Amino acid sequence: MLKLYTTHLNLASDVDLHELARLSEGFSGSDIRDVCQSAHLRVIGELFESGLASDKRAKPRPISMKDFRDIFEERKPSVSLDMIASYNRWFDAFKAL
């Protein structure tokens, strides 16, 4: 999912998708999409705050690993471990999704 959601983003060379996968353990697909969007919006926001957005040649800086780490520190998974356990018990009881 991280590979899918970061394909069109300008990532810095320090971004490690395997490390991001570790950091996002327990996050839903929607959570991961939101984290990637938040990282993208963060660097775009910096461009506007710097006043350079009016320059057509200006571009946002690449998204760094620090950007992702900061977002993961601020954000928690939307699905708790208790909810996952409940879904697993339901699946085991009814053998259906």
C-alpha atoms as a PDB file:
ATOM      1  CA  MET A   1       0.000   0.000   0.000  1.00  0.00           C
ATOM      2  CA  LEU A   2       2.812   2.390   0.813  1.00  0.00           C
ATOM      3  CA  LYS A   3       4.327   1.771  -2.595  1.00  0.00           C
ATOM      4  CA  LEU A   4       0.971   2.480  -4.234  1.00  0.00           C
ATOM      5  CA  TYR A   5       0.282   5.676  -2.272  1.00  0.00           C
ATOM      6  CA  THR A   6       3.800   7.069  -2.677  1.00  0.00           C
ATOM      7  CA  THR A   7       4.246   6.300  -6.391  1.00  0.00           C
ATOM      8  CA  HIS A   8       3.349   9.823  -7.504  1.00  0.00           C
ATOM      9  CA  LEU A   9       4.993  11.618  -4.573  1.00  0.00           C
ATOM     10  CA  ASN A  10       8.399  13.277  -4.710  1.00  0.00           C
ATOM     11  CA  LEU A  11      10.248  11.266  -2.056  1.00  0.00           C
ATOM     12  CA  ALA A  12      13.668  12.112  -0.665  1.00  0.00           C
ATOM     13  CA  SER A  13      16.372   9.482  -0.986  1.00  0.00           C
ATOM     14  CA  ASP A  14      16.182   8.741   2.768  1.00  0.00           C
ATOM     15  CA  VAL A  15      12.610   7.397   2.582  1.00  0.00           C
ATOM     16  CA  ASP A  16      12.596   3.682   3.400  1.00  0.00           C
ATOM     17  CA  LEU A  17       9.290   2.000   2.562  1.00  0.00           C
ATOM     18  CA  HIS A  18      10.204  -1.047   4.668  1.00  0.00           C
ATOM     19  CA  GLU A  19      10.706   1.185   7.706  1.00  0.00           C
ATOM     20  CA  LEU A  20       7.449   3.001   6.948  1.00  0.00           C
ATOM     21  CA  ALA A  21       5.710  -0.382   6.799  1.00  0.00           C
ATOM     22  CA  ARG A  22       7.089  -1.170  10.254  1.00  0.00           C
ATOM     23  CA  LEU A  23       5.934   2.205  11.586  1.00  0.00           C
ATOM     24  CA  SER A  24       2.469   1.734  10.096  1.00  0.00           C
ATOM     25  CA  GLU A  25       1.808  -1.657  11.647  1.00  0.00           C
ATOM     26  CA  GLY A  26      -1.815  -1.737  12.757  1.00  0.00           C
ATOM     27  CA  PHE A  27      -2.819   1.089  10.413  1.00  0.00           C
ATOM     28  CA  SER A  28      -5.646   0.471   7.966  1.00  0.00           C
ATOM     29  CA  GLY A  29      -5.272   1.098   4.238  1.00  0.00           C
ATOM     30  CA  SER A  30      -7.203   4.328   4.699  1.00  0.00           C
ATOM     31  CA  ASP A  31      -4.865   5.368   7.532  1.00  0.00           C
ATOM     32  CA  ILE A  32      -1.826   4.763   5.329  1.00  0.00           C
ATOM     33  CA  ARG A  33      -3.354   6.779   2.496  1.00  0.00           C
ATOM     34  CA  ASP A  34      -4.040   9.624   4.942  1.00  0.00           C
ATOM     35  CA  VAL A  35      -0.448   9.551   6.232  1.00  0.00           C
ATOM     36  CA  CYS A  36       0.901   9.828   2.672  1.00  0.00           C
ATOM     37  CA  GLN A  37      -1.511  12.658   1.879  1.00  0.00           C
ATOM     38  CA  SER A  38      -0.547  14.441   5.098  1.00  0.00           C
ATOM     39  CA  ALA A  39       3.149  14.223   4.207  1.00  0.00           C
ATOM     40  CA  HIS A  40       2.420  15.632   0.758  1.00  0.00           C
ATOM     41  CA  LEU A  41       0.290  18.449   2.167  1.00  0.00           C
ATOM     42  CA  ARG A  42       3.004  19.262   4.714  1.00  0.00           C
ATOM     43  CA  VAL A  43       5.620  20.049   2.070  1.00  0.00           C
ATOM     44  CA  ILE A  44       3.111  21.908  -0.115  1.00  0.00           C
ATOM     45  CA  GLY A  45       2.095  23.975   2.917  1.00  0.00           C
ATOM     46  CA  GLU A  46       5.734  24.861   3.535  1.00  0.00           C
ATOM     47  CA  LEU A  47       6.010  26.138  -0.031  1.00  0.00           C
ATOM     48  CA  PHE A  48       2.997  28.412   0.450  1.00  0.00           C
ATOM     49  CA  GLU A  49       4.176  29.587   3.871  1.00  0.00           C
ATOM     50  CA  SER A  50       7.568  30.500   2.418  1.00  0.00           C
ATOM     51  CA  GLY A  51       5.896  32.815  -0.095  1.00  0.00           C
ATOM     52  CA  LEU A  52       7.496  30.997  -3.017  1.00  0.00           C
ATOM     53  CA  ALA A  53       4.252  29.471  -4.309  1.00  0.00           C
ATOM     54  CA  SER A  54       3.714  32.444  -6.623  1.00  0.00           C
ATOM     55  CA  ASP A  55       6.956  31.600  -8.459  1.00  0.00           C
ATOM     56  CA  LYS A  56       5.976  29.162 -11.219  1.00  0.00           C
ATOM     57  CA  ARG A  57       9.423  27.549 -11.089  1.00  0.00           C
ATOM     58  CA  ALA A  58       9.227  26.834  -7.358  1.00  0.00           C
ATOM     59  CA  LYS A  59       8.475  23.276  -6.340  1.00  0.00           C
ATOM     60  CA  PRO A  60       7.891  21.659  -2.965  1.00  0.00           C
ATOM     61  CA  ARG A  61      10.908  19.930  -1.464  1.00  0.00           C
ATOM     62  CA  PRO A  62      10.965  16.129  -1.523  1.00  0.00           C
ATOM     63  CA  ILE A  63       9.099  14.392   1.283  1.00  0.00           C
ATOM     64  CA  SER A  64      11.612  13.088   3.817  1.00  0.00           C
ATOM     65  CA  MET A  65      11.575  10.218   6.257  1.00  0.00           C
ATOM     66  CA  LYS A  66      11.331  12.818   9.041  1.00  0.00           C
ATOM     67  CA  ASP A  67       8.060  14.078   7.564  1.00  0.00           C
ATOM     68  CA  PHE A  68       6.614  10.575   7.747  1.00  0.00           C
ATOM     69  CA  ARG A  69       8.001   9.954  11.249  1.00  0.00           C
ATOM     70  CA  ASP A  70       6.484  13.215  12.511  1.00  0.00           C
ATOM     71  CA  ILE A  71       3.082  12.263  11.112  1.00  0.00           C
ATOM     72  CA  PHE A  72       3.247   8.771  12.608  1.00  0.00           C
ATOM     73  CA  GLU A  73       4.027  10.354  15.995  1.00  0.00           C
ATOM     74  CA  GLU A  74       0.946  12.594  15.704  1.00  0.00           C
ATOM     75  CA  ARG A  75      -1.397   9.936  14.331  1.00  0.00           C
ATOM     76  CA  LYS A  76      -2.588   6.664  15.739  1.00  0.00           C
ATOM     77  CA  PRO A  77      -4.247   3.750  13.898  1.00  0.00           C
ATOM     78  CA  SER A  78      -8.009   4.106  13.441  1.00  0.00           C
ATOM     79  CA  VAL A  79      -8.488   0.414  14.220  1.00  0.00           C
ATOM     80  CA  SER A  80      -7.524  -0.839  17.668  1.00  0.00           C
ATOM     81  CA  LEU A  81      -6.046  -4.253  18.423  1.00  0.00           C
ATOM     82  CA  ASP A  82      -9.277  -5.064  20.300  1.00  0.00           C
ATOM     83  CA  MET A  83     -11.319  -4.370  17.161  1.00  0.00           C
ATOM     84  CA  ILE A  84      -9.066  -6.619  15.086  1.00  0.00           C
ATOM     85  CA  ALA A  85      -9.414  -9.389  17.660  1.00  0.00           C
ATOM     86  CA  SER A  86     -13.206  -8.969  17.541  1.00  0.00           C
ATOM     87  CA  TYR A  87     -13.200  -9.231  13.732  1.00  0.00           C
ATOM     88  CA  ASN A  88     -11.050 -12.363  13.931  1.00  0.00           C
ATOM     89  CA  ARG A  89     -13.399 -13.974  16.473  1.00  0.00           C
ATOM     90  CA  TRP A  90     -16.394 -13.129  14.271  1.00  0.00           C
ATOM     91  CA  PHE A  91     -14.652 -14.572  11.212  1.00  0.00           C
ATOM     92  CA  ASP A  92     -13.749 -17.757  13.099  1.00  0.00           C
ATOM     93  CA  ALA A  93     -17.336 -18.133  14.300  1.00  0.00           C
ATOM     94  CA  PHE A  94     -19.005 -17.574  10.916  1.00  0.00           C
ATOM     95  CA  LYS A  95     -16.199 -18.304   8.423  1.00  0.00           C
ATOM     96  CA  ALA A  96     -17.262 -15.322   6.328  1.00  0.00           C
ATOM     97  CA  LEU A  97     -16.415 -11.672   5.965  1.00  0.00           C
END
